[in-house]
Amino acid sequence: MLQTIYLIAFTILAFLAISNLIRSLVHFGMEAQRPYVPNNGQPVHPEMLDGNGRITSEPLLVMKSIDVDDARSRLDALYNDSPSYSAGEEESPS
């Protein structure tokens, strides 16, 4: 009797999960067919605006590759210029 209750319960859960999946796919398909409106009447985040208040079209994150030695020397320069670093301390080899 207990196995029958488990079987019925898991069948109901599986039916709910599959129906939710189908409903989500239909909703996603309908959203994909709608034309894209950039602003939608919602406020735009301030970081997306340029100095004149227009939406920027340039990438906001630009990554530049540098070699390890250059990165290490830049980090060392930042560390040595920090206020908490005192000139008399010796660097410990790592």
C-alpha atoms as a PDB file:
ATOM      1  CA  MET A   1       0.000   0.000   0.000  1.00  0.00           C
ATOM      2  CA  LEU A   2       2.850   2.416   0.849  1.00  0.00           C
ATOM      3  CA  GLN A   3       4.519   1.766  -2.515  1.00  0.00           C
ATOM      4  CA  THR A   4       1.281   2.681  -4.285  1.00  0.00           C
ATOM      5  CA  ILE A   5       1.084   6.006  -2.431  1.00  0.00           C
ATOM      6  CA  TYR A   6       4.724   6.759  -3.327  1.00  0.00           C
ATOM      7  CA  LEU A   7       4.079   5.841  -6.947  1.00  0.00           C
ATOM      8  CA  ILE A   8       1.023   8.118  -7.126  1.00  0.00           C
ATOM      9  CA  ALA A   9       2.840  10.986  -5.366  1.00  0.00           C
ATOM     10  CA  PHE A  10       5.886  10.826  -7.647  1.00  0.00           C
ATOM     11  CA  THR A  11       3.665  10.510 -10.720  1.00  0.00           C
ATOM     12  CA  ILE A  12       1.867  13.697  -9.695  1.00  0.00           C
ATOM     13  CA  LEU A  13       5.208  15.447  -9.055  1.00  0.00           C
ATOM     14  CA  ALA A  14       6.553  14.320 -12.439  1.00  0.00           C
ATOM     15  CA  PHE A  15       3.394  15.550 -14.151  1.00  0.00           C
ATOM     16  CA  LEU A  16       3.701  18.945 -12.431  1.00  0.00           C
ATOM     17  CA  ALA A  17       7.378  19.235 -13.348  1.00  0.00           C
ATOM     18  CA  ILE A  18       6.790  18.402 -17.019  1.00  0.00           C
ATOM     19  CA  SER A  19       3.801  20.729 -17.258  1.00  0.00           C
ATOM     20  CA  ASN A  20       5.887  23.519 -15.704  1.00  0.00           C
ATOM     21  CA  LEU A  21       8.668  22.814 -18.220  1.00  0.00           C
ATOM     22  CA  ILE A  22       6.237  22.985 -21.145  1.00  0.00           C
ATOM     23  CA  ARG A  23       4.667  26.187 -19.796  1.00  0.00           C
ATOM     24  CA  SER A  24       8.129  27.762 -19.429  1.00  0.00           C
ATOM     25  CA  LEU A  25       9.117  26.766 -22.967  1.00  0.00           C
ATOM     26  CA  VAL A  26       5.913  28.252 -24.396  1.00  0.00           C
ATOM     27  CA  HIS A  27       6.421  31.461 -22.421  1.00  0.00           C
ATOM     28  CA  PHE A  28      10.064  31.668 -23.541  1.00  0.00           C
ATOM     29  CA  GLY A  29       9.028  31.128 -27.170  1.00  0.00           C
ATOM     30  CA  MET A  30       6.470  33.923 -26.943  1.00  0.00           C
ATOM     31  CA  GLU A  31       9.022  36.274 -25.366  1.00  0.00           C
ATOM     32  CA  ALA A  32      11.552  35.481 -28.086  1.00  0.00           C
ATOM     33  CA  GLN A  33       9.097  36.500 -30.818  1.00  0.00           C
ATOM     34  CA  ARG A  34       8.399  39.921 -29.292  1.00  0.00           C
ATOM     35  CA  PRO A  35      10.393  42.784 -30.784  1.00  0.00           C
ATOM     36  CA  TYR A  36      13.167  44.136 -28.592  1.00  0.00           C
ATOM     37  CA  VAL A  37      12.515  47.581 -27.143  1.00  0.00           C
ATOM     38  CA  PRO A  38      15.719  48.899 -25.535  1.00  0.00           C
ATOM     39  CA  ASN A  39      14.281  51.058 -22.769  1.00  0.00           C
ATOM     40  CA  ASN A  40      10.776  49.601 -22.175  1.00  0.00           C
ATOM     41  CA  GLY A  41       9.920  52.718 -20.182  1.00  0.00           C
ATOM     42  CA  GLN A  42      12.086  51.545 -17.311  1.00  0.00           C
ATOM     43  CA  PRO A  43      14.883  53.675 -15.841  1.00  0.00           C
ATOM     44  CA  VAL A  44      18.347  52.984 -17.221  1.00  0.00           C
ATOM     45  CA  HIS A  45      21.225  52.286 -14.855  1.00  0.00           C
ATOM     46  CA  PRO A  46      23.492  55.376 -14.558  1.00  0.00           C
ATOM     47  CA  GLU A  47      26.613  53.440 -15.571  1.00  0.00           C
ATOM     48  CA  MET A  48      25.020  52.777 -18.976  1.00  0.00           C
ATOM     49  CA  LEU A  49      24.832  56.524 -19.750  1.00  0.00           C
ATOM     50  CA  ASP A  50      27.579  58.745 -21.086  1.00  0.00           C
ATOM     51  CA  GLY A  51      28.308  62.312 -19.943  1.00  0.00           C
ATOM     52  CA  ASN A  52      25.423  63.714 -22.022  1.00  0.00           C
ATOM     53  CA  GLY A  53      22.846  61.229 -20.689  1.00  0.00           C
ATOM     54  CA  ARG A  54      22.695  59.045 -23.799  1.00  0.00           C
ATOM     55  CA  ILE A  55      22.939  55.249 -23.636  1.00  0.00           C
ATOM     56  CA  THR A  56      26.474  54.065 -24.420  1.00  0.00           C
ATOM     57  CA  SER A  57      27.054  51.590 -27.212  1.00  0.00           C
ATOM     58  CA  GLU A  58      30.670  50.814 -26.351  1.00  0.00           C
ATOM     59  CA  PRO A  59      31.766  47.822 -24.282  1.00  0.00           C
ATOM     60  CA  LEU A  60      31.949  48.548 -20.581  1.00  0.00           C
ATOM     61  CA  LEU A  61      34.662  46.023 -19.796  1.00  0.00           C
ATOM     62  CA  VAL A  62      37.871  45.983 -21.788  1.00  0.00           C
ATOM     63  CA  MET A  63      40.468  43.395 -20.912  1.00  0.00           C
ATOM     64  CA  LYS A  64      44.059  43.694 -22.023  1.00  0.00           C
ATOM     65  CA  SER A  65      46.431  40.785 -21.776  1.00  0.00           C
ATOM     66  CA  ILE A  66      49.846  41.439 -20.270  1.00  0.00           C
ATOM     67  CA  ASP A  67      52.661  39.087 -19.409  1.00  0.00           C
ATOM     68  CA  VAL A  68      53.288  37.836 -15.894  1.00  0.00           C
ATOM     69  CA  ASP A  69      56.433  39.891 -15.311  1.00  0.00           C
ATOM     70  CA  ASP A  70      54.674  43.141 -16.231  1.00  0.00           C
ATOM     71  CA  ALA A  71      51.738  42.301 -13.971  1.00  0.00           C
ATOM     72  CA  ARG A  72      54.103  41.408 -11.116  1.00  0.00           C
ATOM     73  CA  SER A  73      56.043  44.662 -11.496  1.00  0.00           C
ATOM     74  CA  ARG A  74      52.814  46.702 -11.518  1.00  0.00           C
ATOM     75  CA  LEU A  75      51.545  44.934  -8.404  1.00  0.00           C
ATOM     76  CA  ASP A  76      54.888  45.439  -6.670  1.00  0.00           C
ATOM     77  CA  ALA A  77      54.795  49.140  -7.541  1.00  0.00           C
ATOM     78  CA  LEU A  78      51.283  49.438  -6.110  1.00  0.00           C
ATOM     79  CA  TYR A  79      52.346  47.613  -2.957  1.00  0.00           C
ATOM     80  CA  ASN A  80      55.477  49.706  -2.507  1.00  0.00           C
ATOM     81  CA  ASP A  81      53.528  52.947  -2.980  1.00  0.00           C
ATOM     82  CA  SER A  82      50.826  51.995  -0.460  1.00  0.00           C
ATOM     83  CA  PRO A  83      50.725  53.990   2.803  1.00  0.00           C
ATOM     84  CA  SER A  84      50.977  50.861   4.971  1.00  0.00           C
ATOM     85  CA  TYR A  85      54.293  49.801   3.379  1.00  0.00           C
ATOM     86  CA  SER A  86      57.365  51.122   5.136  1.00  0.00           C
ATOM     87  CA  ALA A  87      60.603  51.425   3.157  1.00  0.00           C
ATOM     88  CA  GLY A  88      62.686  49.664   5.830  1.00  0.00           C
ATOM     89  CA  GLU A  89      60.865  46.350   5.553  1.00  0.00           C
ATOM     90  CA  GLU A  90      62.508  43.590   3.598  1.00  0.00           C
ATOM     91  CA  GLU A  91      60.462  41.444   1.296  1.00  0.00           C
ATOM     92  CA  SER A  92      60.315  37.817   2.324  1.00  0.00           C
ATOM     93  CA  PRO A  93      60.998  35.347  -0.474  1.00  0.00           C
ATOM     94  CA  SER A  94      57.994  33.209  -1.305  1.00  0.00           C
END
